Amino acid sequence: MNMNQEIRAEIRTLRKTERQINRQGRDARKQALKQIKAGQNLFRRAEKNCGRELDRITKRLAVLQGRLS
């Protein structure tokens, strides 16, 4: 009986630890997804800014080339 109680107690402890590890894994996954999403947003914003800057430079170049003609 005493041995069975010890085994059951150990099983409970292991299950509890397993749940904690699973929870930590889920939390880590959520955090990673958030960071990926934030990175994508940063990339999109940078891409947009670069596009605007490129348009501005292209227009300025056209104007300057027009003056030379």
Foldseek 3Di string as FASTA:
>chain_A
DVVVVVVVVVVVVVVVVVVVVVVVVVVVVVVVVVVVVVVVVVVVVVVVVVVVVVVVVVVVVVVVVVVVD
